[in-house]
Amino acid sequence: VQLQASGGGLVQPGGSLRLSCAASGSIFSINVMAWYRQAPGKQRELVAAITSVGSTNHADSVKGRFTISRDKAKNTVDLQMNSLKPEDTAVYYCNLGQVGVLYWGKGTQVTVSS
């Protein structure tokens, strides 16, 4: 399984970005796709996750601002990020979990700064 993320960049506080991740390879019908992030000097944390049936979970710190969605047929997962704050600055990682195995994509940098 390979995961390719895109969409990071530099944005001003209050701005928006949309991250996308495409999964390829042996993708099972039952899985969970998620976005994690890791800021400098901090542990990697879950941002949002979505199951293969569309159930979602968002971290408290991003609720109301970020929305995770997926296209199951295309094996893609997106993260719409609105009202971005400087504390959202981090490397964002796409993740897929299936049959007890976690797969990680390379991170994409999101920087929120004026």
C-alpha atoms as a PDB file:
ATOM      1  CA  VAL A   1       0.000   0.000   0.000  1.00  0.00           C
ATOM      2  CA  GLN A   2       1.302   3.440  -0.953  1.00  0.00           C
ATOM      3  CA  LEU A   3      -0.078   6.772   0.169  1.00  0.00           C
ATOM      4  CA  GLN A   4       0.607  10.017  -1.656  1.00  0.00           C
ATOM      5  CA  ALA A   5      -0.372  13.261   0.029  1.00  0.00           C
ATOM      6  CA  SER A   6      -0.554  16.710  -1.493  1.00  0.00           C
ATOM      7  CA  GLY A   7      -1.915  20.165  -0.822  1.00  0.00           C
ATOM      8  CA  GLY A   8       0.283  21.569   1.921  1.00  0.00           C
ATOM      9  CA  GLY A   9       1.739  25.039   1.852  1.00  0.00           C
ATOM     10  CA  LEU A  10       1.939  28.432   3.484  1.00  0.00           C
ATOM     11  CA  VAL A  11      -1.262  30.222   4.446  1.00  0.00           C
ATOM     12  CA  GLN A  12      -2.142  33.229   6.550  1.00  0.00           C
ATOM     13  CA  PRO A  13      -4.085  32.864   9.802  1.00  0.00           C
ATOM     14  CA  GLY A  14      -7.772  32.538   9.051  1.00  0.00           C
ATOM     15  CA  GLY A  15      -7.091  31.041   5.657  1.00  0.00           C
ATOM     16  CA  SER A  16      -7.948  27.632   4.204  1.00  0.00           C
ATOM     17  CA  LEU A  17      -6.118  24.689   2.720  1.00  0.00           C
ATOM     18  CA  ARG A  18      -7.251  21.345   1.404  1.00  0.00           C
ATOM     19  CA  LEU A  19      -5.065  18.283   1.780  1.00  0.00           C
ATOM     20  CA  SER A  20      -5.569  15.231  -0.407  1.00  0.00           C
ATOM     21  CA  CYS A  21      -4.224  11.717  -0.133  1.00  0.00           C
ATOM     22  CA  ALA A  22      -4.458   8.903  -2.645  1.00  0.00           C
ATOM     23  CA  ALA A  23      -3.969   5.297  -1.637  1.00  0.00           C
ATOM     24  CA  SER A  24      -2.874   2.606  -4.071  1.00  0.00           C
ATOM     25  CA  GLY A  25      -2.054  -1.058  -3.874  1.00  0.00           C
ATOM     26  CA  SER A  26      -3.957  -3.769  -2.005  1.00  0.00           C
ATOM     27  CA  ILE A  27      -6.780  -1.784  -0.432  1.00  0.00           C
ATOM     28  CA  PHE A  28      -9.370  -3.806   1.436  1.00  0.00           C
ATOM     29  CA  SER A  29     -13.003  -2.780   1.579  1.00  0.00           C
ATOM     30  CA  ILE A  30     -12.903  -2.330   5.358  1.00  0.00           C
ATOM     31  CA  ASN A  31     -10.359   0.192   6.545  1.00  0.00           C
ATOM     32  CA  VAL A  32      -9.857   3.509   8.265  1.00  0.00           C
ATOM     33  CA  MET A  33      -8.161   6.495   6.683  1.00  0.00           C
ATOM     34  CA  ALA A  34      -6.886   9.346   8.772  1.00  0.00           C
ATOM     35  CA  TRP A  35      -4.789  12.461   8.969  1.00  0.00           C
ATOM     36  CA  TYR A  36      -2.196  12.951  11.689  1.00  0.00           C
ATOM     37  CA  ARG A  37       0.098  15.886  12.293  1.00  0.00           C
ATOM     38  CA  GLN A  38       3.360  16.490  14.047  1.00  0.00           C
ATOM     39  CA  ALA A  39       4.572  19.902  15.092  1.00  0.00           C
ATOM     40  CA  PRO A  40       8.245  20.555  15.907  1.00  0.00           C
ATOM     41  CA  GLY A  41       9.112  19.142  19.310  1.00  0.00           C
ATOM     42  CA  LYS A  42       5.723  17.493  19.744  1.00  0.00           C
ATOM     43  CA  GLN A  43       4.335  14.019  19.361  1.00  0.00           C
ATOM     44  CA  ARG A  44       2.357  12.996  16.338  1.00  0.00           C
ATOM     45  CA  GLU A  45      -1.352  13.418  16.988  1.00  0.00           C
ATOM     46  CA  LEU A  46      -4.555  12.333  15.328  1.00  0.00           C
ATOM     47  CA  VAL A  47      -6.330  15.134  13.497  1.00  0.00           C
ATOM     48  CA  ALA A  48      -9.269  13.285  11.974  1.00  0.00           C
ATOM     49  CA  ALA A  49     -10.255   9.804  10.856  1.00  0.00           C
ATOM     50  CA  ILE A  50     -12.949   8.306   8.665  1.00  0.00           C
ATOM     51  CA  THR A  51     -14.051   4.701   8.364  1.00  0.00           C
ATOM     52  CA  SER A  52     -14.961   2.847   5.205  1.00  0.00           C
ATOM     53  CA  VAL A  53     -18.651   3.420   6.013  1.00  0.00           C
ATOM     54  CA  GLY A  54     -18.169   7.141   6.502  1.00  0.00           C
ATOM     55  CA  SER A  55     -18.078   7.519  10.267  1.00  0.00           C
ATOM     56  CA  THR A  56     -15.795  10.369  11.250  1.00  0.00           C
ATOM     57  CA  ASN A  57     -13.847  11.503  14.282  1.00  0.00           C
ATOM     58  CA  HIS A  58     -12.189  14.889  14.630  1.00  0.00           C
ATOM     59  CA  ALA A  59      -9.794  16.041  17.331  1.00  0.00           C
ATOM     60  CA  ASP A  60     -11.297  18.605  19.675  1.00  0.00           C
ATOM     61  CA  SER A  61      -8.700  21.144  18.573  1.00  0.00           C
ATOM     62  CA  VAL A  62      -9.993  21.102  14.984  1.00  0.00           C
ATOM     63  CA  LYS A  63     -13.726  20.477  15.419  1.00  0.00           C
ATOM     64  CA  GLY A  64     -15.760  23.023  13.519  1.00  0.00           C
ATOM     65  CA  ARG A  65     -12.752  24.045  11.425  1.00  0.00           C
ATOM     66  CA  PHE A  66     -11.499  20.884   9.721  1.00  0.00           C
ATOM     67  CA  THR A  67     -13.545  18.306   7.831  1.00  0.00           C
ATOM     68  CA  ILE A  68     -12.361  14.897   6.698  1.00  0.00           C
ATOM     69  CA  SER A  69     -13.977  13.201   3.729  1.00  0.00           C
ATOM     70  CA  ARG A  70     -13.220  10.279   1.460  1.00  0.00           C
ATOM     71  CA  ASP A  71     -14.021   8.847  -1.918  1.00  0.00           C
ATOM     72  CA  LYS A  72     -14.081   5.130  -1.289  1.00  0.00           C
ATOM     73  CA  ALA A  73     -14.207   4.239  -4.973  1.00  0.00           C
ATOM     74  CA  LYS A  74     -11.058   6.259  -5.653  1.00  0.00           C
ATOM     75  CA  ASN A  75      -9.346   5.390  -2.357  1.00  0.00           C
ATOM     76  CA  THR A  76      -8.757   9.029  -1.574  1.00  0.00           C
ATOM     77  CA  VAL A  77      -9.140  11.011   1.623  1.00  0.00           C
ATOM     78  CA  ASP A  78      -9.259  14.786   1.906  1.00  0.00           C
ATOM     79  CA  LEU A  79      -8.898  17.181   4.785  1.00  0.00           C
ATOM     80  CA  GLN A  80     -10.545  20.569   4.349  1.00  0.00           C
ATOM     81  CA  MET A  81      -8.942  22.996   6.769  1.00  0.00           C
ATOM     82  CA  ASN A  82     -10.634  26.330   7.420  1.00  0.00           C
ATOM     83  CA  SER A  83      -9.964  29.131   9.890  1.00  0.00           C
ATOM     84  CA  LEU A  84      -6.372  28.009  10.184  1.00  0.00           C
ATOM     85  CA  LYS A  85      -4.368  29.084  13.205  1.00  0.00           C
ATOM     86  CA  PRO A  86      -0.602  29.322  13.733  1.00  0.00           C
ATOM     87  CA  GLU A  87      -0.855  26.350  16.088  1.00  0.00           C
ATOM     88  CA  ASP A  88      -2.030  24.229  13.151  1.00  0.00           C
ATOM     89  CA  THR A  89       1.474  24.490  11.725  1.00  0.00           C
ATOM     90  CA  ALA A  90       2.842  20.982  11.408  1.00  0.00           C
ATOM     91  CA  VAL A  91       3.747  18.218   9.042  1.00  0.00           C
ATOM     92  CA  TYR A  92       0.540  16.414   8.132  1.00  0.00           C
ATOM     93  CA  TYR A  93       0.581  12.679   7.445  1.00  0.00           C
ATOM     94  CA  CYS A  94      -1.960  10.529   5.681  1.00  0.00           C
ATOM     95  CA  ASN A  95      -2.623   7.130   7.236  1.00  0.00           C
ATOM     96  CA  LEU A  96      -4.501   3.985   6.268  1.00  0.00           C
ATOM     97  CA  GLY A  97      -5.275   1.154   8.663  1.00  0.00           C
ATOM     98  CA  GLN A  98      -6.512  -2.263   7.599  1.00  0.00           C
ATOM     99  CA  VAL A  99      -6.324  -5.793   8.996  1.00  0.00           C
ATOM    100  CA  GLY A 100      -4.191  -4.570  11.884  1.00  0.00           C
ATOM    101  CA  VAL A 101      -1.572  -2.861   9.748  1.00  0.00           C
ATOM    102  CA  LEU A 102      -0.938   0.882   9.557  1.00  0.00           C
ATOM    103  CA  TYR A 103       0.442   2.491   6.439  1.00  0.00           C
ATOM    104  CA  TRP A 104       1.886   5.990   6.352  1.00  0.00           C
ATOM    105  CA  GLY A 105       2.447   8.435   3.560  1.00  0.00           C
ATOM    106  CA  LYS A 106       5.187  11.014   3.427  1.00  0.00           C
ATOM    107  CA  GLY A 107       4.184  14.156   5.225  1.00  0.00           C
ATOM    108  CA  THR A 108       3.164  17.442   3.732  1.00  0.00           C
ATOM    109  CA  GLN A 109       4.098  20.689   5.445  1.00  0.00           C
ATOM    110  CA  VAL A 110       1.387  23.120   6.492  1.00  0.00           C
ATOM    111  CA  THR A 111       2.590  26.482   7.753  1.00  0.00           C
ATOM    112  CA  VAL A 112       0.181  29.078   9.102  1.00  0.00           C
ATOM    113  CA  SER A 113       1.894  32.425   9.414  1.00  0.00           C
ATOM    114  CA  SER A 114       1.417  36.056   8.556  1.00  0.00           C
END
